[in-house]
N, C-alpha and C. Protein backbone atom coordinates (compact mmCIF):
# COMPACT_ATOMS: atom_id res chain seq x y z
N MET A 1 98.72 106.98 109.83
CA MET A 1 98.61 108.39 110.10
C MET A 1 97.45 108.62 111.08
N ALA A 2 97.46 107.84 112.11
CA ALA A 2 96.41 107.97 113.11
C ALA A 2 96.37 109.39 113.65
N GLY A 3 95.16 109.93 113.73
CA GLY A 3 95.01 111.27 114.27
C GLY A 3 95.26 112.38 113.28
N THR A 4 95.68 112.05 112.08
CA THR A 4 95.95 113.07 111.07
C THR A 4 94.74 113.19 110.16
N ASN A 5 94.31 114.42 109.94
CA ASN A 5 93.16 114.66 109.08
C ASN A 5 93.61 115.52 107.91
N TRP A 6 93.80 114.91 106.74
CA TRP A 6 94.24 115.65 105.57
C TRP A 6 93.52 115.11 104.35
N SER A 7 93.48 115.92 103.32
CA SER A 7 92.89 115.48 102.06
C SER A 7 93.48 116.31 100.93
N LEU A 8 93.38 115.78 99.73
CA LEU A 8 93.90 116.48 98.56
C LEU A 8 92.88 117.49 98.07
N LYS A 9 93.36 118.61 97.60
CA LYS A 9 92.47 119.68 97.15
C LYS A 9 92.34 119.75 95.63
N SER A 10 93.18 119.02 94.91
CA SER A 10 93.15 119.10 93.45
C SER A 10 92.61 117.80 92.85
N LYS A 11 92.17 117.88 91.62
CA LYS A 11 91.65 116.72 90.89
C LYS A 11 92.80 115.99 90.21
N PRO A 12 92.77 114.65 90.21
CA PRO A 12 93.84 113.91 89.52
C PRO A 12 93.72 114.02 88.00
N ARG A 13 94.86 113.91 87.35
CA ARG A 13 94.89 113.84 85.89
C ARG A 13 94.33 112.49 85.45
N ALA A 14 93.96 112.39 84.19
CA ALA A 14 93.36 111.14 83.69
C ALA A 14 94.29 109.96 83.91
N TRP A 15 95.58 110.11 83.60
CA TRP A 15 96.51 108.99 83.75
C TRP A 15 96.63 108.59 85.21
N GLN A 16 96.54 109.56 86.13
CA GLN A 16 96.65 109.25 87.55
C GLN A 16 95.46 108.42 88.03
N SER A 17 94.28 108.78 87.58
CA SER A 17 93.08 108.02 87.95
C SER A 17 93.15 106.60 87.42
N THR A 18 93.57 106.46 86.17
CA THR A 18 93.70 105.14 85.56
C THR A 18 94.74 104.30 86.28
N ALA A 19 95.89 104.90 86.54
CA ALA A 19 96.97 104.18 87.23
C ALA A 19 96.55 103.78 88.63
N LEU A 20 95.84 104.66 89.32
CA LEU A 20 95.39 104.34 90.67
C LEU A 20 94.43 103.16 90.65
N GLU A 21 93.50 103.14 89.71
CA GLU A 21 92.58 102.01 89.58
C GLU A 21 93.34 100.71 89.35
N ARG A 22 94.32 100.74 88.48
CA ARG A 22 95.10 99.52 88.19
C ARG A 22 95.92 99.08 89.39
N CYS A 23 96.52 100.04 90.10
CA CYS A 23 97.29 99.68 91.29
C CYS A 23 96.40 99.07 92.36
N LEU A 24 95.20 99.61 92.50
CA LEU A 24 94.27 99.09 93.51
C LEU A 24 93.80 97.68 93.16
N GLU A 25 93.68 97.38 91.87
CA GLU A 25 93.27 96.03 91.45
C GLU A 25 94.27 94.98 91.91
N HIS A 26 95.55 95.34 91.90
CA HIS A 26 96.63 94.38 92.20
C HIS A 26 97.33 94.66 93.53
N ASN A 27 96.94 95.74 94.21
CA ASN A 27 97.58 96.16 95.46
C ASN A 27 99.07 96.41 95.31
N LYS A 28 99.49 96.79 94.11
CA LYS A 28 100.89 97.16 93.88
C LYS A 28 100.99 97.79 92.51
N GLY A 29 102.14 98.39 92.23
CA GLY A 29 102.33 98.98 90.91
C GLY A 29 103.61 99.78 90.84
N VAL A 30 104.06 100.03 89.63
CA VAL A 30 105.22 100.86 89.37
C VAL A 30 104.79 101.90 88.36
N VAL A 31 105.10 103.16 88.64
CA VAL A 31 104.70 104.24 87.75
C VAL A 31 105.96 104.92 87.22
N SER A 32 106.05 105.04 85.92
CA SER A 32 107.19 105.71 85.27
C SER A 32 106.63 106.90 84.49
N VAL A 33 106.99 108.10 84.94
CA VAL A 33 106.42 109.33 84.38
C VAL A 33 107.53 110.36 84.20
N VAL A 34 107.41 111.18 83.17
CA VAL A 34 108.42 112.22 82.90
C VAL A 34 108.46 113.23 84.04
N THR A 35 109.55 113.96 84.11
CA THR A 35 109.69 115.03 85.10
C THR A 35 108.55 116.03 84.94
N GLY A 36 107.92 116.36 86.03
CA GLY A 36 106.80 117.30 86.00
C GLY A 36 105.48 116.67 85.62
N GLY A 37 105.46 115.34 85.50
CA GLY A 37 104.26 114.65 85.05
C GLY A 37 103.23 114.37 86.13
N GLY A 38 103.59 114.54 87.40
CA GLY A 38 102.63 114.35 88.47
C GLY A 38 102.86 113.14 89.36
N LYS A 39 104.12 112.68 89.45
CA LYS A 39 104.41 111.50 90.28
C LYS A 39 104.14 111.77 91.76
N THR A 40 104.50 112.94 92.25
CA THR A 40 104.29 113.25 93.66
C THR A 40 102.80 113.29 93.97
N MET A 41 102.01 113.92 93.12
CA MET A 41 100.57 113.95 93.33
C MET A 41 99.99 112.54 93.29
N PHE A 42 100.51 111.70 92.40
CA PHE A 42 100.05 110.32 92.34
C PHE A 42 100.34 109.60 93.65
N ALA A 43 101.52 109.83 94.20
CA ALA A 43 101.87 109.22 95.49
C ALA A 43 100.90 109.68 96.57
N PHE A 44 100.55 110.96 96.57
CA PHE A 44 99.58 111.46 97.55
C PHE A 44 98.21 110.83 97.34
N LEU A 45 97.82 110.61 96.09
CA LEU A 45 96.55 109.93 95.81
C LEU A 45 96.54 108.53 96.42
N CYS A 46 97.64 107.82 96.22
CA CYS A 46 97.75 106.46 96.77
C CYS A 46 97.69 106.48 98.30
N MET A 47 98.39 107.43 98.91
CA MET A 47 98.39 107.54 100.37
C MET A 47 97.00 107.91 100.88
N ASP A 48 96.29 108.76 100.15
CA ASP A 48 94.95 109.16 100.55
C ASP A 48 94.01 107.95 100.58
N VAL A 49 94.05 107.13 99.53
CA VAL A 49 93.22 105.93 99.49
C VAL A 49 93.59 104.98 100.63
N PHE A 50 94.89 104.77 100.82
CA PHE A 50 95.35 103.88 101.89
C PHE A 50 94.89 104.38 103.26
N ALA A 51 95.06 105.69 103.52
CA ALA A 51 94.70 106.25 104.82
C ALA A 51 93.21 106.11 105.10
N ARG A 52 92.39 106.23 104.05
CA ARG A 52 90.94 106.09 104.24
C ARG A 52 90.57 104.64 104.56
N GLU A 53 91.25 103.69 103.90
CA GLU A 53 90.95 102.27 104.12
C GLU A 53 91.59 101.72 105.39
N HIS A 54 92.70 102.31 105.80
CA HIS A 54 93.45 101.84 106.98
C HIS A 54 93.80 103.04 107.86
N PRO A 55 92.86 103.55 108.63
CA PRO A 55 93.09 104.77 109.41
C PRO A 55 94.27 104.70 110.38
N ASP A 56 94.62 103.50 110.83
CA ASP A 56 95.74 103.36 111.75
C ASP A 56 97.02 102.92 111.02
N GLY A 57 96.97 102.88 109.69
CA GLY A 57 98.13 102.45 108.91
C GLY A 57 99.23 103.49 108.89
N ARG A 58 100.39 103.08 108.42
CA ARG A 58 101.55 103.96 108.32
C ARG A 58 102.14 103.86 106.93
N PHE A 59 102.87 104.87 106.53
CA PHE A 59 103.53 104.91 105.22
C PHE A 59 105.03 104.69 105.40
N ILE A 60 105.61 104.01 104.45
CA ILE A 60 107.07 103.92 104.35
C ILE A 60 107.41 104.44 102.95
N ILE A 61 108.23 105.47 102.91
CA ILE A 61 108.62 106.07 101.63
C ILE A 61 110.09 105.78 101.41
N LEU A 62 110.40 105.12 100.30
CA LEU A 62 111.77 104.75 99.97
C LEU A 62 112.25 105.56 98.77
N PHE A 63 113.46 106.06 98.85
CA PHE A 63 114.06 106.78 97.74
C PHE A 63 115.21 105.95 97.18
N GLN A 64 115.29 105.89 95.90
CA GLN A 64 116.38 105.16 95.26
C GLN A 64 117.05 106.08 94.25
N GLN A 65 118.35 106.10 94.26
CA GLN A 65 119.09 106.92 93.30
C GLN A 65 119.79 106.07 92.31
């Protein structure tokens, strides 16, 4: 996201912070959360960390049905 300046305005939930720490330890992870549980916000948290560490990096978002 080179040239893009964005940041999250809300605080993560406890489970999101914990999951993010675990994902960062292993550089991967799978999150299974109920509808309305905050999966999209978690994805934004992950992208925020990645963008800060890799300013010229890019995201690939895959959807599976």
